[in-house]
Amino acid sequence: MRGAAHSTPDLAYIGSFTSGGGRGITTAAVDPATGALTPVAVTPTPENPSCLALRPDHRVLYAVSEADRGAVLAFRTGPGGLEALGAPVPVGAAGPTHLSTAGRRLLTANYTSGSVSTLPLDADGAPAGPAAVLAHRGGGPDPERQQGPHAHQVRPDPSGRWVLSVDLGTDSVRVCALDPDTGELRLHAESVLRAGSGPRHLAFHPDGEVVYVLHELEPQMTVCRWNAAAGELEPVSEVPLLPEGAPDAPRAYPSVVAVSADGRFVWAAVRGTDTLATFSLADGPEKPQVTDVTGCGGSWPRDLVADPSGRRLYVANEWSGDVTWFEVDALTGHPRRAGSVAVPAAACVVFA
């Protein structure tokens, strides 16, 4: 875990599904001693700000509007709350589920359309259109979930040279080059994973050479090697999210994978079973071993994030309408429930 020199953040921002009763974006104060969240403001937004991201300097907060006419929103952050930076900007696609920044560009993964969009950012951090859209192609064997492409996450790699997009519908991770002038994405390579597994979300190990890809349609993750020089993602092994001999449970729908800042642990949230799985990396980044499975503190864990101090995990439980936090054991990485706060249809948590 990180040392004491890394302070606890002052604020957390929580996105929600307005279609499920959410009120927009909740700003919460973070207790530096306990990690407890106290809502201090709610910013109403257009439909479903289900994913949030902060500009690296934390002065601007971005949100998707996960709707048929997908859009992104930007807010200036500050002690007085969130201030909108203009009107929502269309992403040229339907159902954006994830967003991230890459230099002076904002990226979105558009689940319904099966595409990735990029938008330029001005000097103040506000996005502008029109969006440059790269459509994915293909499908998978699941007739209900993989009838076409469904991009679920997009993010730059740690080197900043490449953009990776995870597609649940095509069972693959695409590697693209981003043109800094036009904002267009050019397909460089595609890493094909096991058919029907439905990759949803990935996280890099701090060494920048190992990637953990979480699958939604099966409770497992794929460990991959990442070659930043070549822009290549190589699958190495598959790891189940539940230990051998685990009792039968409802169908599992994994949602998010996170890696500790010191590179010692991996955590995964699993909907359906409503659990958090802890993996030890004591044998090396390519050899995660599950050491603990515990309840998520609610129902349908949509998001899982470690705070910047590395001492706590926060889970956005969508169906039970709460954000639950856990103290992380410094030796084992095992989470212990410490508290929760009600946030209707909670979907995403980020820390300023």
Protein backbone atom coordinates (compact mmCIF):
# COMPACT_ATOMS: atom_id res chain seq x y z
CA MET A 1 0.00 0.00 0.00
CA ARG A 2 1.07 3.58 -0.45
CA GLY A 3 2.73 5.29 2.46
CA ALA A 4 1.45 8.07 4.68
CA ALA A 5 2.91 10.72 2.37
CA HIS A 6 -0.02 10.18 0.02
CA SER A 7 -2.88 12.15 1.53
CA THR A 8 -6.53 11.26 1.52
CA PRO A 9 -8.51 13.17 -1.13
CA ASP A 10 -10.84 15.97 -0.08
CA LEU A 11 -13.74 15.15 -2.40
CA ALA A 12 -15.31 12.27 -4.25
CA TYR A 13 -17.64 12.50 -7.23
CA ILE A 14 -20.30 9.82 -7.72
CA GLY A 15 -22.10 9.24 -11.02
CA SER A 16 -25.50 7.56 -11.22
CA PHE A 17 -28.20 6.21 -13.51
CA THR A 18 -31.00 8.77 -13.65
CA SER A 19 -33.07 6.12 -15.45
CA GLY A 20 -32.83 4.06 -12.25
CA GLY A 21 -33.63 6.88 -9.82
CA GLY A 22 -30.24 8.58 -9.63
CA ARG A 23 -30.16 12.35 -9.16
CA GLY A 24 -27.12 13.18 -11.30
CA ILE A 25 -23.59 13.70 -9.94
CA THR A 26 -23.15 13.65 -6.17
CA THR A 27 -20.23 15.52 -4.61
CA ALA A 28 -19.13 14.02 -1.29
CA ALA A 29 -16.62 15.13 1.33
CA VAL A 30 -14.08 12.48 2.34
CA ASP A 31 -13.21 12.12 6.03
CA PRO A 32 -9.39 11.94 6.14
CA ALA A 33 -9.38 9.72 9.23
CA THR A 34 -12.06 7.18 8.38
CA GLY A 35 -12.59 7.51 4.63
CA ALA A 36 -16.31 8.09 5.23
CA LEU A 37 -18.23 9.89 2.49
CA THR A 38 -20.68 12.69 3.28
CA PRO A 39 -22.74 14.02 0.37
CA VAL A 40 -22.54 17.82 0.21
CA ALA A 41 -24.12 18.62 -3.17
CA VAL A 42 -25.97 17.07 -6.09
CA THR A 43 -25.55 18.40 -9.63
CA PRO A 44 -28.53 17.51 -11.85
CA THR A 45 -27.43 16.37 -15.30
CA PRO A 46 -28.89 15.02 -18.53
CA GLU A 47 -29.58 11.32 -18.71
CA ASN A 48 -27.32 8.78 -16.98
CA PRO A 49 -23.94 10.28 -15.97
CA SER A 50 -22.84 6.68 -15.39
CA CYS A 51 -19.09 7.17 -15.87
CA LEU A 52 -16.89 10.02 -14.69
CA ALA A 53 -13.26 10.98 -15.25
CA LEU A 54 -11.09 13.83 -14.00
CA ARG A 55 -8.61 15.78 -16.07
CA PRO A 56 -5.10 14.98 -14.75
CA ASP A 57 -4.92 18.31 -12.89
CA HIS A 58 -8.36 17.57 -11.32
CA ARG A 59 -9.70 20.97 -12.39
CA VAL A 60 -12.26 19.52 -14.81
CA LEU A 61 -14.67 16.61 -14.32
CA TYR A 62 -16.05 14.79 -17.36
CA ALA A 63 -19.19 12.66 -17.51
CA VAL A 64 -20.91 10.58 -20.14
CA SER A 65 -24.60 10.83 -20.85
CA GLU A 66 -25.34 7.15 -21.46
CA ALA A 67 -28.34 7.56 -23.75
CA ASP A 68 -29.45 6.77 -27.29
CA ARG A 69 -28.10 10.16 -28.32
CA GLY A 70 -24.86 9.85 -26.40
CA ALA A 71 -23.03 12.92 -25.18
CA VAL A 72 -20.31 14.12 -22.83
CA LEU A 73 -20.46 16.84 -20.22
CA ALA A 74 -17.68 18.87 -18.59
CA PHE A 75 -17.64 20.68 -15.24
CA ARG A 76 -15.11 22.97 -13.63
CA THR A 77 -14.38 21.69 -10.12
CA GLY A 78 -13.84 23.86 -7.08
CA PRO A 79 -14.79 24.45 -3.45
CA GLY A 80 -18.07 25.99 -4.56
CA GLY A 81 -19.16 22.85 -6.41
CA LEU A 82 -19.37 21.88 -10.07
CA GLU A 83 -19.77 24.53 -12.76
CA ALA A 84 -20.87 23.39 -16.23
CA LEU A 85 -18.46 24.16 -19.05
CA GLY A 86 -20.99 24.64 -21.81
CA ALA A 87 -23.75 22.37 -23.08
CA PRO A 88 -23.50 18.58 -23.55
CA VAL A 89 -21.51 17.64 -26.66
CA PRO A 90 -22.70 14.70 -28.81
CA VAL A 91 -20.29 11.81 -29.27
CA GLY A 92 -21.84 10.73 -32.56
CA ALA A 93 -22.90 7.37 -31.16
CA ALA A 94 -25.31 5.67 -28.77
CA GLY A 95 -24.76 4.43 -25.24
CA PRO A 96 -21.35 5.76 -24.15
CA THR A 97 -20.36 3.71 -21.09
CA HIS A 98 -16.79 4.84 -20.40
CA LEU A 99 -14.57 7.84 -20.96
CA SER A 100 -10.97 8.90 -20.40
CA THR A 101 -8.55 11.61 -21.47
CA ALA A 102 -5.55 11.27 -23.80
CA GLY A 103 -3.62 14.51 -24.02
CA ARG A 104 -5.94 17.18 -25.44
CA ARG A 105 -8.57 14.61 -26.43
CA LEU A 106 -11.56 13.07 -24.67
CA LEU A 107 -12.29 9.42 -25.50
CA THR A 108 -15.57 7.54 -25.11
CA ALA A 109 -16.45 3.86 -25.54
CA ASN A 110 -19.93 3.59 -27.02
CA TYR A 111 -21.55 0.29 -26.04
CA THR A 112 -24.76 0.44 -28.05
CA SER A 113 -23.14 1.61 -31.28
CA GLY A 114 -20.02 -0.50 -30.86
CA SER A 115 -17.58 2.34 -31.49
CA VAL A 116 -15.04 4.69 -29.94
CA SER A 117 -15.27 8.49 -30.21
CA THR A 118 -12.68 11.21 -29.72
CA LEU A 119 -13.37 14.90 -29.11
CA PRO A 120 -10.94 17.83 -28.89
CA LEU A 121 -10.54 19.73 -25.63
CA ASP A 122 -9.98 23.48 -25.55
CA ALA A 123 -7.57 25.30 -23.26
CA ASP A 124 -10.16 25.34 -20.47
CA GLY A 125 -10.76 21.60 -20.83
CA ALA A 126 -14.17 21.90 -22.48
CA PRO A 127 -14.94 19.32 -25.21
CA ALA A 128 -16.08 20.33 -28.69
CA GLY A 129 -17.51 18.57 -31.71
CA PRO A 130 -17.86 17.07 -34.12
CA ALA A 131 -16.59 13.79 -32.72
CA ALA A 132 -14.29 11.53 -34.71
CA VAL A 133 -15.81 8.03 -34.53
CA LEU A 134 -14.10 4.68 -35.14
CA ALA A 135 -16.65 1.90 -35.64
CA HIS A 136 -15.81 -1.61 -34.45
CA ARG A 137 -16.69 -4.64 -36.54
CA GLY A 138 -17.57 -8.22 -35.64
CA GLY A 139 -19.55 -10.24 -33.10
CA GLY A 140 -19.46 -13.31 -30.90
CA PRO A 141 -21.27 -16.58 -30.16
CA ASP A 142 -23.66 -15.28 -27.48
CA PRO A 143 -26.89 -14.55 -29.43
CA GLU A 144 -28.21 -12.11 -26.82
CA ARG A 145 -25.09 -10.12 -25.95
CA GLN A 146 -22.75 -10.49 -28.91
CA GLN A 147 -24.86 -9.94 -32.01
CA GLY A 148 -22.51 -7.06 -32.86
CA PRO A 149 -19.67 -5.00 -31.38
CA HIS A 150 -20.11 -3.43 -27.93
CA ALA A 151 -17.20 -1.23 -26.92
CA HIS A 152 -17.24 -1.00 -23.12
CA GLN A 153 -14.01 0.73 -22.11
CA VAL A 154 -11.39 2.95 -23.76
CA ARG A 155 -8.18 4.28 -22.26
CA PRO A 156 -4.62 5.23 -23.18
CA ASP A 157 -1.77 2.94 -22.19
CA PRO A 158 0.74 4.20 -19.57
CA SER A 159 3.22 5.23 -22.26
CA GLY A 160 0.65 7.50 -23.89
CA ARG A 161 1.47 6.07 -27.32
CA TRP A 162 -1.60 3.87 -27.74
CA VAL A 163 -5.33 3.74 -27.05
CA LEU A 164 -6.87 0.42 -25.97
CA SER A 165 -10.58 -0.32 -26.35
CA VAL A 166 -12.27 -3.35 -24.79
CA ASP A 167 -15.16 -4.83 -26.79
CA LEU A 168 -17.61 -7.20 -25.12
CA GLY A 169 -19.34 -8.07 -28.39
CA THR A 170 -16.27 -9.09 -30.38
CA ASP A 171 -14.28 -10.81 -27.59
CA SER A 172 -11.29 -8.60 -28.29
CA VAL A 173 -9.15 -5.66 -27.25
CA ARG A 174 -8.22 -3.20 -30.00
CA VAL A 175 -5.01 -1.18 -30.00
CA CYS A 176 -5.18 2.12 -31.88
CA ALA A 177 -2.88 5.02 -32.63
CA LEU A 178 -4.35 8.47 -31.97
CA ASP A 179 -3.59 11.23 -34.47
CA PRO A 180 -2.86 14.26 -32.26
CA ASP A 181 -3.89 16.70 -35.00
CA THR A 182 -7.13 15.22 -36.33
CA GLY A 183 -8.13 13.16 -33.28
CA GLU A 184 -8.78 10.16 -35.51
CA LEU A 185 -8.02 6.66 -34.26
CA ARG A 186 -6.19 4.25 -36.56
CA LEU A 187 -6.49 0.53 -35.84
CA HIS A 188 -3.03 -0.90 -35.16
CA ALA A 189 -3.71 -4.37 -33.76
CA GLU A 190 -6.49 -6.50 -32.31
CA SER A 191 -5.97 -9.05 -29.55
CA VAL A 192 -8.60 -11.79 -29.77
CA LEU A 193 -9.63 -13.46 -26.52
CA ARG A 194 -11.66 -16.60 -25.94
CA ALA A 195 -14.95 -16.66 -27.84
CA GLY A 196 -17.98 -15.93 -25.69
CA SER A 197 -16.04 -14.54 -22.72
CA GLY A 198 -17.21 -10.96 -23.22
CA PRO A 199 -14.28 -8.73 -22.16
CA ARG A 200 -15.54 -5.63 -20.36
CA HIS A 201 -12.77 -3.81 -18.48
CA LEU A 202 -8.98 -3.82 -18.16
CA ALA A 203 -6.36 -2.46 -15.77
CA PHE A 204 -2.59 -2.12 -16.07
CA HIS A 205 -0.11 -3.34 -13.49
CA PRO A 206 2.07 -0.43 -12.29
CA ASP A 207 5.04 -1.90 -14.17
CA GLY A 208 3.20 -1.10 -17.40
CA GLU A 209 3.97 -4.54 -18.83
CA VAL A 210 1.04 -6.64 -17.57
CA VAL A 211 -2.66 -6.10 -18.22
CA TYR A 212 -5.64 -7.74 -16.49
CA VAL A 213 -8.72 -8.05 -18.71
CA LEU A 214 -11.97 -8.76 -16.87
CA HIS A 215 -14.74 -10.65 -18.68
CA GLU A 216 -18.44 -9.99 -18.12
CA LEU A 217 -19.97 -13.12 -19.65
CA GLU A 218 -17.80 -15.53 -17.62
CA PRO A 219 -16.38 -15.05 -14.09
CA GLN A 220 -12.74 -14.95 -15.09
CA MET A 221 -9.99 -12.58 -16.21
CA THR A 222 -7.23 -12.91 -18.76
CA VAL A 223 -3.66 -11.98 -17.86
CA CYS A 224 -1.84 -10.36 -20.80
CA ARG A 225 1.63 -9.06 -21.57
CA TRP A 226 1.79 -5.53 -22.93
CA ASN A 227 4.56 -4.44 -25.30
CA ALA A 228 4.36 -0.66 -25.49
CA ALA A 229 7.16 -0.42 -28.05
CA ALA A 230 5.27 -2.62 -30.52
CA GLY A 231 1.72 -1.83 -29.39
CA GLU A 232 0.93 -5.50 -28.86
CA LEU A 233 -1.25 -7.21 -26.24
CA GLU A 234 -0.51 -10.93 -25.77
CA PRO A 235 -2.88 -13.15 -23.73
CA VAL A 236 -0.93 -15.36 -21.29
CA SER A 237 -3.42 -17.14 -19.03
CA GLU A 238 -6.98 -17.17 -17.70
CA VAL A 239 -7.72 -16.90 -14.00
CA PRO A 240 -11.10 -17.75 -12.38
CA LEU A 241 -12.60 -15.14 -10.06
CA LEU A 242 -13.83 -17.73 -7.56
CA PRO A 243 -11.69 -20.35 -5.80
CA GLU A 244 -12.02 -24.01 -6.72
CA GLY A 245 -14.84 -25.74 -4.89
CA ALA A 246 -16.85 -22.55 -4.40
CA PRO A 247 -20.56 -23.33 -3.92
CA ASP A 248 -22.99 -22.78 -6.75
CA ALA A 249 -24.25 -19.21 -6.94
CA PRO A 250 -26.33 -16.99 -9.24
CA ARG A 251 -24.80 -16.27 -12.62
CA ALA A 252 -21.84 -13.95 -12.24
CA TYR A 253 -21.37 -10.73 -14.22
CA PRO A 254 -17.93 -9.26 -13.42
CA SER A 255 -17.76 -5.50 -13.77
CA VAL A 256 -14.44 -3.87 -12.81
CA VAL A 257 -10.83 -4.87 -12.10
CA ALA A 258 -8.44 -2.68 -10.08
CA VAL A 259 -4.76 -3.00 -9.18
CA SER A 260 -3.14 -1.66 -6.02
CA ALA A 261 -0.72 1.22 -6.56
CA ASP A 262 2.17 -0.83 -5.18
CA GLY A 263 1.44 -3.71 -7.55
CA ARG A 264 0.87 -6.32 -4.84
CA PHE A 265 -2.86 -6.98 -5.24
CA VAL A 266 -5.66 -7.14 -7.79
CA TRP A 267 -9.36 -6.77 -6.94
CA ALA A 268 -12.39 -7.61 -9.05
CA ALA A 269 -16.06 -6.78 -8.50
CA VAL A 270 -18.63 -9.37 -9.51
CA ARG A 271 -22.33 -8.63 -9.97
CA GLY A 272 -24.87 -11.42 -9.48
CA THR A 273 -22.79 -12.99 -6.73
CA ASP A 274 -22.29 -9.45 -5.33
CA THR A 275 -18.72 -10.20 -4.30
CA LEU A 276 -15.23 -8.75 -4.34
CA ALA A 277 -12.35 -11.08 -5.19
CA THR A 278 -8.82 -10.36 -3.95
CA PHE A 279 -5.76 -11.69 -5.78
CA SER A 280 -2.22 -11.78 -4.45
CA LEU A 281 0.63 -11.04 -6.85
CA ALA A 282 3.28 -12.45 -4.52
CA ASP A 283 4.35 -14.89 -7.25
CA GLY A 284 4.66 -12.10 -9.82
CA PRO A 285 2.33 -9.86 -11.85
CA GLU A 286 1.56 -12.66 -14.34
CA LYS A 287 0.53 -15.13 -11.63
CA PRO A 288 -2.41 -13.75 -9.61
CA GLN A 289 -3.75 -16.11 -6.95
CA VAL A 290 -7.21 -15.60 -5.46
CA THR A 291 -6.91 -15.31 -1.67
CA ASP A 292 -10.27 -13.90 -0.56
CA VAL A 293 -13.86 -13.50 -1.73
CA THR A 294 -16.11 -11.23 0.32
CA GLY A 295 -19.45 -9.48 -0.02
CA CYS A 296 -19.55 -6.12 -1.80
CA GLY A 297 -21.71 -4.53 0.91
CA GLY A 298 -24.73 -4.14 -1.35
CA SER A 299 -26.23 -5.31 -4.63
CA TRP A 300 -24.85 -5.16 -8.19
CA PRO A 301 -21.37 -3.63 -7.75
CA ARG A 302 -21.01 -1.44 -10.84
CA ASP A 303 -17.70 0.22 -9.97
CA LEU A 304 -14.70 -0.51 -7.76
CA VAL A 305 -11.91 1.96 -7.05
CA ALA A 306 -9.05 2.34 -4.60
CA ASP A 307 -8.60 5.77 -3.05
CA PRO A 308 -5.28 7.56 -3.68
CA SER A 309 -3.96 6.59 -0.24
CA GLY A 310 -4.27 2.91 -1.14
CA ARG A 311 -5.82 2.16 2.23
CA ARG A 312 -9.42 1.82 1.12
CA LEU A 313 -11.64 0.43 -1.60
CA TYR A 314 -14.93 2.02 -2.63
CA VAL A 315 -17.74 0.15 -4.37
CA ALA A 316 -20.68 1.75 -6.19
CA ASN A 317 -23.57 -0.68 -5.68
CA GLU A 318 -26.11 0.21 -8.35
CA TRP A 319 -29.16 -1.82 -7.34
CA SER A 320 -28.93 -1.26 -3.58
CA GLY A 321 -28.21 2.44 -4.18
CA ASP A 322 -25.11 2.97 -2.07
CA VAL A 323 -21.37 3.50 -2.06
CA THR A 324 -19.68 1.16 0.41
CA TRP A 325 -16.08 1.55 1.55
CA PHE A 326 -13.64 -1.05 2.83
CA GLU A 327 -10.43 -0.88 4.82
CA VAL A 328 -7.67 -2.81 3.02
CA ASP A 329 -5.40 -5.05 5.09
CA ALA A 330 -1.85 -3.87 4.34
CA LEU A 331 -0.44 -7.42 4.50
CA THR A 332 -3.07 -9.46 2.69
CA GLY A 333 -4.96 -6.90 0.60
CA HIS A 334 -8.23 -8.30 1.96
CA PRO A 335 -11.02 -5.69 2.24
CA ARG A 336 -13.05 -5.23 5.44
CA ARG A 337 -16.33 -3.32 5.26
CA ALA A 338 -16.11 0.00 7.10
CA GLY A 339 -19.24 1.95 6.11
CA SER A 340 -21.60 3.07 3.38
CA VAL A 341 -23.65 6.03 2.22
CA ALA A 342 -26.90 6.06 0.27
CA VAL A 343 -26.57 7.21 -3.35
CA PRO A 344 -29.49 6.09 -5.56
CA ALA A 345 -28.43 4.05 -8.61
CA ALA A 346 -24.72 4.65 -7.91
CA ALA A 347 -22.58 3.83 -10.94
CA CYS A 348 -19.11 5.37 -10.64
CA VAL A 349 -16.75 6.93 -8.08
CA VAL A 350 -13.72 9.16 -8.71
CA PHE A 351 -11.54 11.06 -6.23
CA ALA A 352 -10.22 14.62 -6.45
